C-alpha cells in the first residue's frame, strides 16, 4: 500500500460503511476492532484511526479489589472445583 491511498465506499441505509480489506490489513484492524472517527469541519473531511486498547481493558481484568484477589494456583483451583463437583454428585 502506498504512502497515501484512497477508495470510494458507499454508506448503507443504516449509516454503515465497509472498510476495504487492504485498508483493514494495513491498519491492523480485525473484526471487533475499535475505530475513532473524526469530522474536520474546516475541510469537510472524515478521518478514521484505529484505537489501541490494552488486553486488560478489553477483557475487563484491570485492577481487582483486594477482596477479589486470590493467590491460589490454577491446579489448586481446579482440584477444589473437581472436589466440590464430586461432593455435589455424591449427594444426588
PDB file of N, CA and C in Angstrom:
ATOM      1  N   UNK A   1       0.850  -1.171   0.000  1.00  0.00           N
ATOM      2  CA  UNK A   1       0.000   0.000   0.000  1.00  0.00           C
ATOM      3  C   UNK A   1       0.899   1.238   0.000  1.00  0.00           C
ATOM      4  N   UNK A   2       0.571   2.200  -0.832  1.00  0.00           N
ATOM      5  CA  UNK A   2       1.393   3.404  -0.949  1.00  0.00           C
ATOM      6  C   UNK A   2       1.239   4.290   0.287  1.00  0.00           C
ATOM      7  N   UNK A   3       2.036   5.353   0.341  1.00  0.00           N
ATOM      8  CA  UNK A   3       2.023   6.280   1.481  1.00  0.00           C
ATOM      9  C   UNK A   3       0.621   6.814   1.744  1.00  0.00           C
ATOM     10  N   UNK A   4      -0.101   7.150   0.686  1.00  0.00           N
ATOM     11  CA  UNK A   4      -1.467   7.651   0.832  1.00  0.00           C
ATOM     12  C   UNK A   4      -2.344   6.919  -0.177  1.00  0.00           C
ATOM     13  N   UNK A   5      -3.405   6.313   0.302  1.00  0.00           N
ATOM     14  CA  UNK A   5      -4.329   5.583  -0.569  1.00  0.00           C
ATOM     15  C   UNK A   5      -5.737   6.089  -0.329  1.00  0.00           C
ATOM     16  N   UNK A   6      -6.580   5.900  -1.310  1.00  0.00           N
ATOM     17  CA  UNK A   6      -7.979   6.308  -1.161  1.00  0.00           C
ATOM     18  C   UNK A   6      -8.875   5.306  -1.868  1.00  0.00           C
ATOM     19  N   UNK A   7     -10.138   5.324  -1.476  1.00  0.00           N
ATOM     20  CA  UNK A   7     -11.136   4.449  -2.087  1.00  0.00           C
ATOM     21  C   UNK A   7     -12.493   5.117  -1.944  1.00  0.00           C
ATOM     22  N   UNK A   8     -13.367   4.846  -2.873  1.00  0.00           N
ATOM     23  CA  UNK A   8     -14.744   5.332  -2.778  1.00  0.00           C
ATOM     24  C   UNK A   8     -15.578   4.196  -2.206  1.00  0.00           C
ATOM     25  N   UNK A   9     -16.284   4.495  -1.123  1.00  0.00           N
ATOM     26  CA  UNK A   9     -17.138   3.495  -0.482  1.00  0.00           C
ATOM     27  C   UNK A   9     -18.549   4.048  -0.386  1.00  0.00           C
ATOM     28  N   UNK A  10     -19.512   3.183  -0.143  1.00  0.00           N
ATOM     29  CA  UNK A  10     -20.915   3.570  -0.076  1.00  0.00           C
ATOM     30  C   UNK A  10     -21.420   3.459   1.355  1.00  0.00           C
ATOM     31  N   UNK A  11     -22.183   4.451   1.774  1.00  0.00           N
ATOM     32  CA  UNK A  11     -22.812   4.428   3.094  1.00  0.00           C
ATOM     33  C   UNK A  11     -24.142   3.696   2.950  1.00  0.00           C
ATOM     34  N   UNK A  12     -24.360   2.685   3.803  1.00  0.00           N
ATOM     35  CA  UNK A  12     -25.602   1.905   3.729  1.00  0.00           C
ATOM     36  C   UNK A  12     -26.776   2.709   4.278  1.00  0.00           C
ATOM     37  N   UNK A  13     -27.972   2.177   4.114  1.00  0.00           N
ATOM     38  CA  UNK A  13     -29.175   2.844   4.622  1.00  0.00           C
ATOM     39  C   UNK A  13     -29.155   2.953   6.147  1.00  0.00           C
ATOM     40  N   UNK A  14     -28.336   2.130   6.796  1.00  0.00           N
ATOM     41  CA  UNK A  14     -28.195   2.182   8.256  1.00  0.00           C
ATOM     42  C   UNK A  14     -27.021   3.067   8.679  1.00  0.00           C
ATOM     43  N   UNK A  15     -26.394   3.745   7.725  1.00  0.00           N
ATOM     44  CA  UNK A  15     -25.269   4.620   8.034  1.00  0.00           C
ATOM     45  C   UNK A  15     -23.952   3.889   8.202  1.00  0.00           C
ATOM     46  N   UNK A  16     -23.893   2.643   7.759  1.00  0.00           N
ATOM     47  CA  UNK A  16     -22.680   1.845   7.910  1.00  0.00           C
ATOM     48  C   UNK A  16     -21.811   1.930   6.664  1.00  0.00           C
ATOM     49  N   UNK A  17     -20.502   1.749   6.887  1.00  0.00           N
ATOM     50  CA  UNK A  17     -19.560   1.680   5.776  1.00  0.00           C
ATOM     51  C   UNK A  17     -18.727   0.418   5.928  1.00  0.00           C
ATOM     52  N   UNK A  18     -18.197  -0.063   4.819  1.00  0.00           N
ATOM     53  CA  UNK A  18     -17.280  -1.207   4.849  1.00  0.00           C
ATOM     54  C   UNK A  18     -15.895  -0.680   4.493  1.00  0.00           C
ATOM     55  N   UNK A  19     -14.939  -0.945   5.364  1.00  0.00           N
ATOM     56  CA  UNK A  19     -13.560  -0.525   5.109  1.00  0.00           C
ATOM     57  C   UNK A  19     -12.920  -1.582   4.213  1.00  0.00           C
ATOM     58  N   UNK A  20     -12.393  -1.183   3.055  1.00  0.00           N
ATOM     59  CA  UNK A  20     -11.785  -2.159   2.142  1.00  0.00           C
ATOM     60  C   UNK A  20     -10.689  -2.979   2.829  1.00  0.00           C
ATOM     61  N   UNK A  21     -10.560  -4.230   2.402  1.00  0.00           N
ATOM     62  CA  UNK A  21      -9.629  -5.166   3.032  1.00  0.00           C
ATOM     63  C   UNK A  21      -8.204  -4.631   3.086  1.00  0.00           C
ATOM     64  N   UNK A  22      -7.717  -4.037   1.995  1.00  0.00           N
ATOM     65  CA  UNK A  22      -6.327  -3.562   2.001  1.00  0.00           C
ATOM     66  C   UNK A  22      -6.105  -2.500   3.084  1.00  0.00           C
ATOM     67  N   UNK A  23      -7.115  -1.697   3.374  1.00  0.00           N
ATOM     68  CA  UNK A  23      -7.009  -0.686   4.429  1.00  0.00           C
ATOM     69  C   UNK A  23      -7.049  -1.346   5.808  1.00  0.00           C
ATOM     70  N   UNK A  24      -7.954  -2.331   5.974  1.00  0.00           N
ATOM     71  CA  UNK A  24      -8.048  -3.047   7.260  1.00  0.00           C
ATOM     72  C   UNK A  24      -6.745  -3.753   7.582  1.00  0.00           C
ATOM     73  N   UNK A  25      -6.172  -4.426   6.574  1.00  0.00           N
ATOM     74  CA  UNK A  25      -4.909  -5.149   6.778  1.00  0.00           C
ATOM     75  C   UNK A  25      -3.794  -4.166   7.130  1.00  0.00           C
ATOM     76  N   UNK A  26      -3.688  -3.079   6.378  1.00  0.00           N
ATOM     77  CA  UNK A  26      -2.626  -2.094   6.611  1.00  0.00           C
ATOM     78  C   UNK A  26      -2.738  -1.465   8.000  1.00  0.00           C
ATOM     79  N   UNK A  27      -3.974  -1.276   8.487  1.00  0.00           N
ATOM     80  CA  UNK A  27      -4.191  -0.646   9.794  1.00  0.00           C
ATOM     81  C   UNK A  27      -4.230  -1.662  10.929  1.00  0.00           C
ATOM     82  N   UNK A  28      -4.179  -2.951  10.577  1.00  0.00           N
ATOM     83  CA  UNK A  28      -4.214  -3.989  11.607  1.00  0.00           C
ATOM     84  C   UNK A  28      -5.587  -4.152  12.238  1.00  0.00           C
ATOM     85  N   UNK A  29      -6.630  -3.866  11.489  1.00  0.00           N
ATOM     86  CA  UNK A  29      -7.997  -3.982  12.005  1.00  0.00           C
ATOM     87  C   UNK A  29      -8.535  -5.388  11.799  1.00  0.00           C
ATOM     88  N   UNK A  30      -9.196  -5.892  12.821  1.00  0.00           N
ATOM     89  CA  UNK A  30      -9.855  -7.198  12.755  1.00  0.00           C
ATOM     90  C   UNK A  30     -11.297  -7.006  13.197  1.00  0.00           C
ATOM     91  N   UNK A  31     -12.111  -8.027  13.041  1.00  0.00           N
ATOM     92  CA  UNK A  31     -13.497  -7.955  13.500  1.00  0.00           C
ATOM     93  C   UNK A  31     -13.504  -7.569  14.972  1.00  0.00           C
ATOM     94  N   UNK A  32     -14.321  -6.595  15.325  1.00  0.00           N
ATOM     95  CA  UNK A  32     -14.416  -6.147  16.711  1.00  0.00           C
ATOM     96  C   UNK A  32     -13.447  -5.034  17.074  1.00  0.00           C
ATOM     97  N   UNK A  33     -12.543  -4.675  16.157  1.00  0.00           N
ATOM     98  CA  UNK A  33     -11.603  -3.580  16.433  1.00  0.00           C
ATOM     99  C   UNK A  33     -12.370  -2.277  16.610  1.00  0.00           C
ATOM    100  N   UNK A  34     -11.861  -1.422  17.469  1.00  0.00           N
ATOM    101  CA  UNK A  34     -12.455  -0.097  17.674  1.00  0.00           C
ATOM    102  C   UNK A  34     -11.752   0.896  16.757  1.00  0.00           C
ATOM    103  N   UNK A  35     -12.542   1.819  16.197  1.00  0.00           N
ATOM    104  CA  UNK A  35     -12.019   2.830  15.286  1.00  0.00           C
ATOM    105  C   UNK A  35     -12.567   4.187  15.711  1.00  0.00           C
ATOM    106  N   UNK A  36     -11.684   5.171  15.816  1.00  0.00           N
ATOM    107  CA  UNK A  36     -12.086   6.542  16.120  1.00  0.00           C
ATOM    108  C   UNK A  36     -12.393   7.236  14.802  1.00  0.00           C
ATOM    109  N   UNK A  37     -13.576   7.871  14.715  1.00  0.00           N
ATOM    110  CA  UNK A  37     -13.913   8.639  13.513  1.00  0.00           C
ATOM    111  C   UNK A  37     -13.988  10.109  13.914  1.00  0.00           C
ATOM    112  N   UNK A  38     -13.363  10.957  13.107  1.00  0.00           N
ATOM    113  CA  UNK A  38     -13.348  12.389  13.379  1.00  0.00           C
ATOM    114  C   UNK A  38     -13.840  13.143  12.145  1.00  0.00           C
ATOM    115  N   UNK A  39     -14.630  14.196  12.392  1.00  0.00           N
ATOM    116  CA  UNK A  39     -15.090  15.070  11.318  1.00  0.00           C
ATOM    117  C   UNK A  39     -14.311  16.378  11.412  1.00  0.00           C
ATOM    118  N   UNK A  40     -13.698  16.780  10.305  1.00  0.00           N
ATOM    119  CA  UNK A  40     -12.929  18.018  10.244  1.00  0.00           C
ATOM    120  C   UNK A  40     -13.771  19.055   9.495  1.00  0.00           C
ATOM    121  N   UNK A  41     -14.423  19.918  10.274  1.00  0.00           N
ATOM    122  CA  UNK A  41     -15.381  20.876   9.731  1.00  0.00           C
ATOM    123  C   UNK A  41     -14.761  21.795   8.668  1.00  0.00           C
ATOM    124  N   UNK A  42     -13.560  22.280   8.932  1.00  0.00           N
ATOM    125  CA  UNK A  42     -12.913  23.234   8.014  1.00  0.00           C
ATOM    126  C   UNK A  42     -12.762  22.658   6.610  1.00  0.00           C
ATOM    127  N   UNK A  43     -12.409  21.379   6.520  1.00  0.00           N
ATOM    128  CA  UNK A  43     -12.164  20.755   5.214  1.00  0.00           C
ATOM    129  C   UNK A  43     -13.281  19.797   4.792  1.00  0.00           C
ATOM    130  N   UNK A  44     -14.316  19.668   5.630  1.00  0.00           N
ATOM    131  CA  UNK A  44     -15.427  18.746   5.362  1.00  0.00           C
ATOM    132  C   UNK A  44     -14.915  17.339   5.065  1.00  0.00           C
ATOM    133  N   UNK A  45     -14.018  16.864   5.922  1.00  0.00           N
ATOM    134  CA  UNK A  45     -13.457  15.525   5.738  1.00  0.00           C
ATOM    135  C   UNK A  45     -13.657  14.682   6.993  1.00  0.00           C
ATOM    136  N   UNK A  46     -13.623  13.387   6.793  1.00  0.00           N
ATOM    137  CA  UNK A  46     -13.668  12.424   7.890  1.00  0.00           C
ATOM    138  C   UNK A  46     -12.326  11.721   7.941  1.00  0.00           C
ATOM    139  N   UNK A  47     -11.906  11.367   9.140  1.00  0.00           N
ATOM    140  CA  UNK A  47     -10.708  10.536   9.258  1.00  0.00           C
ATOM    141  C   UNK A  47     -11.000   9.404  10.232  1.00  0.00           C
ATOM    142  N   UNK A  48     -10.415   8.263   9.960  1.00  0.00           N
ATOM    143  CA  UNK A  48     -10.567   7.086  10.810  1.00  0.00           C
ATOM    144  C   UNK A  48      -9.204   6.723  11.372  1.00  0.00           C
ATOM    145  N   UNK A  49      -9.168   6.382  12.653  1.00  0.00           N
ATOM    146  CA  UNK A  49      -7.915   5.968  13.295  1.00  0.00           C
ATOM    147  C   UNK A  49      -8.183   4.753  14.163  1.00  0.00           C
ATOM    148  N   UNK A  50      -7.342   3.719  14.059  1.00  0.00           N
ATOM    149  CA  UNK A  50      -7.510   2.559  14.935  1.00  0.00           C
ATOM    150  C   UNK A  50      -7.306   2.981  16.390  1.00  0.00           C
ATOM    151  N   UNK A  51      -8.103   2.417  17.281  1.00  0.00           N
ATOM    152  CA  UNK A  51      -7.965   2.679  18.711  1.00  0.00           C
ATOM    153  C   UNK A  51      -7.238   1.496  19.314  1.00  0.00           C
ATOM    154  N   UNK A  52      -6.080   1.757  19.904  1.00  0.00           N
ATOM    155  CA  UNK A  52      -5.300   0.698  20.538  1.00  0.00           C
ATOM    156  C   UNK A  52      -5.800   0.523  21.963  1.00  0.00           C
ATOM    157  N   UNK A  53      -6.196  -0.690  22.314  1.00  0.00           N
ATOM    158  CA  UNK A  53      -6.669  -0.990  23.656  1.00  0.00           C
ATOM    159  C   UNK A  53      -5.771  -2.041  24.272  1.00  0.00           C
ATOM    160  N   UNK A  54      -5.551  -1.891  25.562  1.00  0.00           N
ATOM    161  CA  UNK A  54      -4.763  -2.913  26.246  1.00  0.00           C
ATOM    162  C   UNK A  54      -5.617  -4.158  26.425  1.00  0.00           C
ATOM    163  N   UNK A  55      -4.990  -5.295  26.537  1.00  0.00           N
ATOM    164  CA  UNK A  55      -5.716  -6.544  26.744  1.00  0.00           C
ATOM    165  C   UNK A  55      -6.531  -6.479  28.033  1.00  0.00           C
ATOM    166  N   UNK A  56      -6.022  -5.806  29.063  1.00  0.00           N
ATOM    167  CA  UNK A  56      -6.742  -5.724  30.323  1.00  0.00           C
ATOM    168  C   UNK A  56      -8.055  -4.979  30.157  1.00  0.00           C
ATOM    169  N   UNK A  57      -8.063  -3.869  29.397  1.00  0.00           N
ATOM    170  CA  UNK A  57      -9.305  -3.126  29.241  1.00  0.00           C
ATOM    171  C   UNK A  57     -10.290  -3.880  28.366  1.00  0.00           C
ATOM    172  N   UNK A  58      -9.789  -4.645  27.401  1.00  0.00           N
ATOM    173  CA  UNK A  58     -10.675  -5.413  26.536  1.00  0.00           C
ATOM    174  C   UNK A  58     -11.422  -6.473  27.330  1.00  0.00           C
ATOM    175  N   UNK A  59     -10.713  -7.185  28.176  1.00  0.00           N
ATOM    176  CA  UNK A  59     -11.318  -8.281  28.913  1.00  0.00           C
ATOM    177  C   UNK A  59     -11.786  -7.878  30.301  1.00  0.00           C
ATOM    178  N   UNK A  60     -11.671  -6.595  30.660  1.00  0.00           N
ATOM    179  CA  UNK A  60     -12.164  -6.129  31.942  1.00  0.00           C
ATOM    180  C   UNK A  60     -11.399  -6.665  33.131  1.00  0.00           C
ATOM    181  N   UNK A  61     -10.146  -7.022  32.931  1.00  0.00           N
ATOM    182  CA  UNK A  61      -9.385  -7.594  34.034  1.00  0.00           C
ATOM    183  C   UNK A  61      -8.981  -6.484  34.998  1.00  0.00           C
ATOM    184  N   UNK A  62      -8.262  -5.494  34.507  1.00  0.00           N
ATOM    185  CA  UNK A  62      -7.862  -4.350  35.306  1.00  0.00           C
ATOM    186  C   UNK A  62      -7.391  -4.707  36.699  1.00  0.00           C
ATOM    187  N   UNK A  63      -7.378  -3.716  37.572  1.00  0.00           N
ATOM    188  CA  UNK A  63      -7.013  -3.964  38.964  1.00  0.00           C
ATOM    189  C   UNK A  63      -8.211  -4.546  39.683  1.00  0.00           C
ATOM    190  N   UNK A  64      -7.964  -5.571  40.453  1.00  0.00           N
ATOM    191  CA  UNK A  64      -9.034  -6.195  41.214  1.00  0.00           C
ATOM    192  C   UNK A  64      -9.036  -5.662  42.632  1.00  0.00           C
ATOM    193  N   UNK A  65     -10.207  -5.647  43.239  1.00  0.00           N
ATOM    194  CA  UNK A  65     -10.341  -5.311  44.644  1.00  0.00           C
ATOM    195  C   UNK A  65      -9.578  -6.356  45.448  1.00  0.00           C
ATOM    196  N   UNK A  66      -8.949  -5.938  46.553  1.00  0.00           N
ATOM    197  CA  UNK A  66      -8.160  -6.883  47.348  1.00  0.00           C
ATOM    198  C   UNK A  66      -9.012  -8.051  47.819  1.00  0.00           C
ATOM    199  N   UNK A  67     -10.301  -7.834  48.033  1.00  0.00           N
ATOM    200  CA  UNK A  67     -11.190  -8.921  48.454  1.00  0.00           C
ATOM    201  C   UNK A  67     -11.302  -9.978  47.359  1.00  0.00           C
ATOM    202  N   UNK A  68     -11.194  -9.548  46.102  1.00  0.00           N
ATOM    203  CA  UNK A  68     -11.351 -10.460  44.976  1.00  0.00           C
ATOM    204  C   UNK A  68     -10.053 -11.169  44.616  1.00  0.00           C
ATOM    205  N   UNK A  69      -8.920 -10.634  45.062  1.00  0.00           N
ATOM    206  CA  UNK A  69      -7.645 -11.240  44.708  1.00  0.00           C
ATOM    207  C   UNK A  69      -7.502 -12.576  45.401  1.00  0.00           C
ATOM    208  N   UNK A  70      -6.971 -13.530  44.661  1.00  0.00           N
ATOM    209  CA  UNK A  70      -6.831 -14.876  45.187  1.00  0.00           C
ATOM    210  C   UNK A  70      -5.475 -15.403  44.757  1.00  0.00           C
ATOM    211  N   UNK A  71      -4.686 -15.832  45.710  1.00  0.00           N
ATOM    212  CA  UNK A  71      -3.339 -16.304  45.399  1.00  0.00           C
ATOM    213  C   UNK A  71      -3.281 -17.811  45.224  1.00  0.00           C
ATOM    214  N   UNK A  72      -4.391 -18.451  44.916  1.00  0.00           N
ATOM    215  CA  UNK A  72      -4.445 -19.895  44.730  1.00  0.00           C
ATOM    216  C   UNK A  72      -3.919 -20.244  43.335  1.00  0.00           C
ATOM    217  N   UNK A  73      -3.193 -21.346  43.225  1.00  0.00           N
ATOM    218  CA  UNK A  73      -2.664 -21.754  41.918  1.00  0.00           C
ATOM    219  C   UNK A  73      -3.790 -22.324  41.056  1.00  0.00           C
ATOM    220  N   UNK A  74      -3.555 -22.386  39.761  1.00  0.00           N
ATOM    221  CA  UNK A  74      -4.548 -22.953  38.849  1.00  0.00           C
ATOM    222  C   UNK A  74      -4.854 -24.401  39.209  1.00  0.00           C
ATOM    223  N   UNK A  75      -3.808 -25.175  39.503  1.00  0.00           N
ATOM    224  CA  UNK A  75      -4.007 -26.587  39.856  1.00  0.00           C
ATOM    225  C   UNK A  75      -4.859 -26.727  41.109  1.00  0.00           C
ATOM    226  N   UNK A  76      -4.584 -25.894  42.120  1.00  0.00           N
ATOM    227  CA  UNK A  76      -5.366 -25.950  43.354  1.00  0.00           C
ATOM    228  C   UNK A  76      -6.815 -25.540  43.102  1.00  0.00           C
ATOM    229  N   UNK A  77      -7.008 -24.532  42.266  1.00  0.00           N
ATOM    230  CA  UNK A  77      -8.363 -24.079  41.953  1.00  0.00           C
ATOM    231  C   UNK A  77      -9.140 -25.177  41.233  1.00  0.00           C
ATOM    232  N   UNK A  78      -8.505 -25.836  40.273  1.00  0.00           N
ATOM    233  CA  UNK A  78      -9.162 -26.922  39.536  1.00  0.00           C
ATOM    234  C   UNK A  78      -9.470 -28.077  40.471  1.00  0.00           C
ATOM    235  N   UNK A  79      -8.512 -28.431  41.315  1.00  0.00           N
ATOM    236  CA  UNK A  79      -8.725 -29.526  42.276  1.00  0.00           C
ATOM    237  C   UNK A  79      -9.897 -29.222  43.192  1.00  0.00           C
ATOM    238  N   UNK A  80      -9.978 -27.986  43.646  1.00  0.00           N
ATOM    239  CA  UNK A  80     -11.071 -27.579  44.524  1.00  0.00           C
ATOM    240  C   UNK A  80     -12.418 -27.696  43.814  1.00  0.00           C
ATOM    241  N   UNK A  81     -12.479 -27.258  42.561  1.00  0.00           N
ATOM    242  CA  UNK A  81     -13.727 -27.351  41.800  1.00  0.00           C
ATOM    243  C   UNK A  81     -14.122 -28.800  41.550  1.00  0.00           C
ATOM    244  N   UNK A  82     -13.153 -29.644  41.226  1.00  0.00           N
ATOM    245  CA  UNK A  82     -13.429 -31.064  40.993  1.00  0.00           C
ATOM    246  C   UNK A  82     -13.951 -31.702  42.274  1.00  0.00           C
ATOM    247  N   UNK A  83     -13.325 -31.373  43.392  1.00  0.00           N
ATOM    248  CA  UNK A  83     -13.752 -31.926  44.682  1.00  0.00           C
ATOM    249  C   UNK A  83     -15.180 -31.488  45.016  1.00  0.00           C
ATOM    250  N   UNK A  84     -15.489 -30.216  44.792  1.00  0.00           N
ATOM    251  CA  UNK A  84     -16.846 -29.718  45.049  1.00  0.00           C
ATOM    252  C   UNK A  84     -17.861 -30.429  44.155  1.00  0.00           C
ATOM    253  N   UNK A  85     -17.507 -30.623  42.886  1.00  0.00           N
ATOM    254  CA  UNK A  85     -18.405 -31.313  41.952  1.00  0.00           C
ATOM    255  C   UNK A  85     -18.605 -32.766  42.369  1.00  0.00           C
ATOM    256  N   UNK A  86     -17.524 -33.431  42.806  1.00  0.00           N
ATOM    257  CA  UNK A  86     -17.632 -34.816  43.286  1.00  0.00           C
ATOM    258  C   UNK A  86     -18.572 -34.896  44.481  1.00  0.00           C
ATOM    259  N   UNK A  87     -18.411 -33.981  45.417  1.00  0.00           N
ATOM    260  CA  UNK A  87     -19.274 -33.966  46.603  1.00  0.00           C
ATOM    261  C   UNK A  87     -20.727 -33.710  46.218  1.00  0.00           C
ATOM    262  N   UNK A  88     -20.928 -32.815  45.259  1.00  0.00           N
ATOM    263  CA  UNK A  88     -22.290 -32.495  44.820  1.00  0.00           C
ATOM    264  C   UNK A  88     -22.951 -33.707  44.173  1.00  0.00           C
ATOM    265  N   UNK A  89     -22.213 -34.419  43.317  1.00  0.00           N
ATOM    266  CA  UNK A  89     -22.798 -35.571  42.624  1.00  0.00           C
ATOM    267  C   UNK A  89     -23.015 -36.748  43.573  1.00  0.00           C
ATOM    268  N   UNK A  90     -22.208 -36.872  44.613  1.00  0.00           N
ATOM    269  CA  UNK A  90     -22.392 -37.944  45.599  1.00  0.00           C
ATOM    270  C   UNK A  90     -23.661 -37.723  46.409  1.00  0.00           C
ATOM    271  N   UNK A  91     -24.032 -36.457  46.604  1.00  0.00           N
ATOM    272  CA  UNK A  91     -25.223 -36.134  47.385  1.00  0.00           C
ATOM    273  C   UNK A  91     -26.494 -36.346  46.586  1.00  0.00           C
ATOM    274  N   UNK A  92     -26.392 -36.406  45.286  1.00  0.00           N
ATOM    275  CA  UNK A  92     -27.583 -36.555  44.429  1.00  0.00           C
ATOM    276  C   UNK A  92     -28.088 -37.968  44.393  1.00  0.00           C
TER     277      UNK A  92
END
